[in-house]
Amino acid sequence: MSPATESVTVTSATFEELVREMLVRLGEDAKREGLTRTPARVHRALEYLTRGYQEDPEAMLKGALFTVSYDEMVIVKDVEMFSLCEHHMLPFFGKVHVAYIPKGKVIGLSKIPRLIEIFSRRLQIQERLTTQIAETIQKAIEPQGVGVVIEARHLCMMMRGVEKQHSEAVTSSMLGCFRDEQETRTEFLSLIRNRSNGV
């Protein structure tokens, strides 16, 4: 067994032992039928839910940049997002709306949801997630401006603490003309509020 393989094996065993200990500390019998395979399942689930750490958002975007003369607003809205809050490791989920005004380059449309996925599949806070998406697009294509709005519900508020099931957090990051020009910002916000599905 190579040192790299051995390291991965040790790490996996340690992770699962920690989950098993957590179950015991919660007052459970970690050996009962329904829980014997839970440590392995939790390990796989958390690896999947935090797989964004293994991906480079800037490198992903570089492969999908196109030179164009288009200079009107590009909007990708209602992109579903699921993440884990870094404070309680409980899920938060919602919709992401992204807009930018090109200045010579555009991003392949499918890459914007991919960018959202990379950043959301990490331990996050909604405010940082919003900023990371906007700043990465700004750096990749240097557009006239970028706007990002996230509307999300947090299980750390819904299941614990204040237990408010219908509360929603809204965050925004406005760069360039979206920050400087009220008209541009208002157009963006108006377009994302105008739900084509009538919701």
Protein backbone atom coordinates (compact mmCIF):
# COMPACT_ATOMS: atom_id res chain seq x y z
CA MET A 1 0.00 0.00 0.00
CA SER A 2 1.43 3.39 -1.01
CA PRO A 3 1.79 6.17 1.61
CA ALA A 4 -0.93 8.17 -0.17
CA THR A 5 -3.37 5.24 -0.08
CA GLU A 6 -2.49 4.50 3.53
CA SER A 7 -3.11 8.15 4.44
CA VAL A 8 -6.56 8.11 2.82
CA THR A 9 -7.44 4.85 4.59
CA VAL A 10 -6.36 6.19 7.99
CA THR A 11 -8.28 9.43 7.41
CA SER A 12 -11.43 7.51 6.44
CA ALA A 13 -11.24 5.27 9.49
CA THR A 14 -10.67 8.26 11.76
CA PHE A 15 -13.62 10.15 10.31
CA GLU A 16 -15.95 7.21 10.79
CA GLU A 17 -14.72 6.62 14.33
CA LEU A 18 -15.50 10.26 15.12
CA VAL A 19 -19.04 9.86 13.80
CA ARG A 20 -19.47 6.67 15.82
CA GLU A 21 -18.28 8.47 18.97
CA MET A 22 -20.67 11.34 18.26
CA LEU A 23 -23.58 8.87 18.08
CA VAL A 24 -22.58 7.43 21.45
CA ARG A 25 -22.27 10.89 23.00
CA LEU A 26 -25.75 11.72 21.75
CA GLY A 27 -27.02 8.77 23.77
CA GLU A 28 -27.40 6.27 20.94
CA ASP A 29 -26.28 2.67 20.59
CA ALA A 30 -23.88 2.89 17.65
CA LYS A 31 -24.03 -0.92 17.27
CA ARG A 32 -27.75 -1.19 16.67
CA GLU A 33 -28.86 -2.29 13.21
CA GLY A 34 -30.00 1.09 11.91
CA LEU A 35 -26.75 2.82 12.91
CA THR A 36 -23.99 0.32 12.17
CA ARG A 37 -23.36 1.74 8.68
CA THR A 38 -24.22 5.34 9.56
CA PRO A 39 -20.59 6.50 10.06
CA ALA A 40 -19.68 5.41 6.52
CA ARG A 41 -22.83 6.99 5.10
CA VAL A 42 -22.18 10.27 6.93
CA HIS A 43 -18.62 10.29 5.64
CA ARG A 44 -19.73 9.81 2.02
CA ALA A 45 -22.52 12.36 2.39
CA LEU A 46 -20.24 15.07 3.81
CA GLU A 47 -17.61 14.43 1.15
CA TYR A 48 -20.31 14.94 -1.48
CA LEU A 49 -21.79 18.02 0.19
CA THR A 50 -18.38 19.69 0.49
CA ARG A 51 -16.88 18.61 -2.84
CA GLY A 52 -16.49 22.24 -3.86
CA TYR A 53 -13.20 22.34 -1.96
CA GLN A 54 -11.74 20.00 -4.60
CA GLU A 55 -12.56 22.30 -7.54
CA ASP A 56 -10.98 25.52 -8.79
CA PRO A 57 -13.71 28.00 -9.82
CA GLU A 58 -11.37 30.26 -11.78
CA ALA A 59 -9.92 27.37 -13.79
CA MET A 60 -13.43 26.09 -14.53
CA LEU A 61 -14.49 29.49 -15.94
CA LYS A 62 -11.35 29.91 -18.05
CA GLY A 63 -12.47 27.07 -20.30
CA ALA A 64 -15.75 28.79 -21.18
CA LEU A 65 -14.97 32.43 -21.97
CA PHE A 66 -16.03 33.79 -25.37
CA THR A 67 -15.24 37.06 -27.15
CA VAL A 68 -18.40 38.92 -28.23
CA SER A 69 -19.59 42.40 -29.08
CA TYR A 70 -22.76 42.00 -26.95
CA ASP A 71 -23.05 44.64 -24.25
CA GLU A 72 -26.54 44.20 -22.79
CA MET A 73 -27.39 42.61 -19.46
CA VAL A 74 -27.01 38.83 -19.19
CA ILE A 75 -29.13 37.25 -16.43
CA VAL A 76 -29.21 33.69 -15.14
CA LYS A 77 -31.88 33.51 -12.46
CA ASP A 78 -33.57 31.01 -10.17
CA VAL A 79 -30.54 28.72 -9.95
CA GLU A 80 -31.18 26.23 -7.16
CA MET A 81 -28.56 26.24 -4.43
CA PHE A 82 -27.88 23.92 -1.48
CA SER A 83 -25.13 24.52 1.06
CA LEU A 84 -24.11 23.86 4.66
CA CYS A 85 -23.81 26.71 7.13
CA GLU A 86 -20.40 26.79 8.75
CA HIS A 87 -21.82 27.62 12.19
CA HIS A 88 -24.00 24.56 12.75
CA MET A 89 -23.30 22.43 9.64
CA LEU A 90 -27.02 22.49 8.89
CA PRO A 91 -28.31 23.03 5.35
CA PHE A 92 -29.43 26.28 3.82
CA PHE A 93 -31.02 26.35 0.41
CA GLY A 94 -32.67 28.69 -2.05
CA LYS A 95 -32.26 30.51 -5.36
CA VAL A 96 -29.35 32.44 -6.83
CA HIS A 97 -29.76 35.19 -9.43
CA VAL A 98 -26.71 36.39 -11.37
CA ALA A 99 -26.38 39.23 -13.87
CA TYR A 100 -23.52 40.94 -15.62
CA ILE A 101 -22.99 43.40 -18.44
CA PRO A 102 -20.20 42.16 -20.74
CA LYS A 103 -17.25 44.21 -21.88
CA GLY A 104 -15.88 42.06 -24.71
CA LYS A 105 -16.28 38.62 -23.11
CA VAL A 106 -19.12 36.39 -21.92
CA ILE A 107 -19.23 33.19 -19.87
CA GLY A 108 -20.85 30.02 -21.24
CA LEU A 109 -24.30 30.02 -19.63
CA SER A 110 -23.99 26.55 -18.10
CA LYS A 111 -20.86 27.64 -16.23
CA ILE A 112 -22.70 30.11 -14.01
CA PRO A 113 -24.73 27.37 -12.25
CA ARG A 114 -21.49 25.36 -12.10
CA LEU A 115 -19.74 28.27 -10.38
CA ILE A 116 -22.59 28.53 -7.88
CA GLU A 117 -22.30 24.80 -7.23
CA ILE A 118 -18.56 24.95 -6.55
CA PHE A 119 -18.88 27.69 -3.94
CA SER A 120 -22.08 26.39 -2.35
CA ARG A 121 -20.64 22.88 -1.86
CA ARG A 122 -18.43 24.16 0.95
CA LEU A 123 -19.06 25.20 4.53
CA GLN A 124 -20.47 28.66 3.97
CA ILE A 125 -22.27 31.70 5.16
CA GLN A 126 -24.71 33.22 2.70
CA GLU A 127 -22.99 36.60 2.69
CA ARG A 128 -19.60 35.16 1.68
CA LEU A 129 -21.17 32.88 -0.93
CA THR A 130 -22.83 35.88 -2.57
CA THR A 131 -19.59 37.84 -2.68
CA GLN A 132 -17.48 34.94 -3.94
CA ILE A 133 -19.75 34.36 -6.94
CA ALA A 134 -19.74 38.05 -7.90
CA GLU A 135 -16.01 38.59 -7.42
CA THR A 136 -15.04 35.46 -9.38
CA ILE A 137 -17.11 36.56 -12.39
CA GLN A 138 -15.68 40.07 -12.12
CA LYS A 139 -12.12 38.73 -12.11
CA ALA A 140 -12.72 36.25 -14.95
CA ILE A 141 -14.19 38.59 -17.60
CA GLU A 142 -13.83 42.12 -16.18
CA PRO A 143 -17.36 43.11 -17.25
CA GLN A 144 -18.94 46.53 -16.81
CA GLY A 145 -20.52 45.15 -13.66
CA VAL A 146 -21.87 42.10 -11.85
CA GLY A 147 -24.92 41.64 -9.65
CA VAL A 148 -25.68 38.60 -7.49
CA VAL A 149 -28.74 38.08 -5.27
CA ILE A 150 -29.34 35.01 -3.11
CA GLU A 151 -32.66 34.20 -1.41
CA ALA A 152 -32.30 31.32 1.04
CA ARG A 153 -33.86 29.51 3.96
CA HIS A 154 -31.64 28.29 6.77
CA LEU A 155 -32.42 25.19 8.79
CA CYS A 156 -30.39 26.61 11.68
CA MET A 157 -33.20 29.19 11.98
CA MET A 158 -36.05 26.85 11.04
CA MET A 159 -35.21 23.78 13.15
CA ARG A 160 -33.42 25.36 16.12
CA GLY A 161 -32.91 28.73 17.78
CA VAL A 162 -35.79 31.04 16.83
CA GLU A 163 -37.58 28.21 14.91
CA LYS A 164 -39.09 30.50 12.28
CA GLN A 165 -40.09 28.19 9.43
CA HIS A 166 -41.02 30.84 6.88
CA SER A 167 -38.12 33.26 7.29
CA GLU A 168 -35.87 33.93 4.33
CA ALA A 169 -32.49 35.65 4.13
CA VAL A 170 -31.71 37.83 1.11
CA THR A 171 -28.16 38.94 0.32
CA SER A 172 -26.71 40.85 -2.62
CA SER A 173 -23.36 41.78 -4.07
CA MET A 174 -23.24 44.59 -6.63
CA LEU A 175 -20.01 45.43 -8.45
CA GLY A 176 -19.16 48.01 -11.10
CA CYS A 177 -22.17 49.58 -12.82
CA PHE A 178 -24.56 47.53 -10.67
CA ARG A 179 -23.21 49.38 -7.63
CA ASP A 180 -22.70 52.77 -9.27
CA GLU A 181 -25.81 53.08 -11.44
CA GLN A 182 -29.24 52.99 -9.78
CA GLU A 183 -30.95 52.36 -13.12
CA THR A 184 -28.88 49.23 -13.85
CA ARG A 185 -29.42 47.85 -10.36
CA THR A 186 -33.17 48.54 -10.51
CA GLU A 187 -33.46 46.81 -13.91
CA PHE A 188 -31.74 43.71 -12.55
CA LEU A 189 -33.87 43.55 -9.40
CA SER A 190 -37.03 44.12 -11.42
CA LEU A 191 -36.19 41.31 -13.85
CA ILE A 192 -35.47 38.73 -11.15
CA ARG A 193 -38.71 39.63 -9.34
CA ASN A 194 -40.70 39.10 -12.55
CA ARG A 195 -41.06 35.33 -12.28
CA SER A 196 -41.87 33.82 -15.68
CA ASN A 197 -43.56 30.85 -13.99
CA GLY A 198 -45.97 33.12 -12.17
CA VAL A 199 -44.65 32.31 -8.70
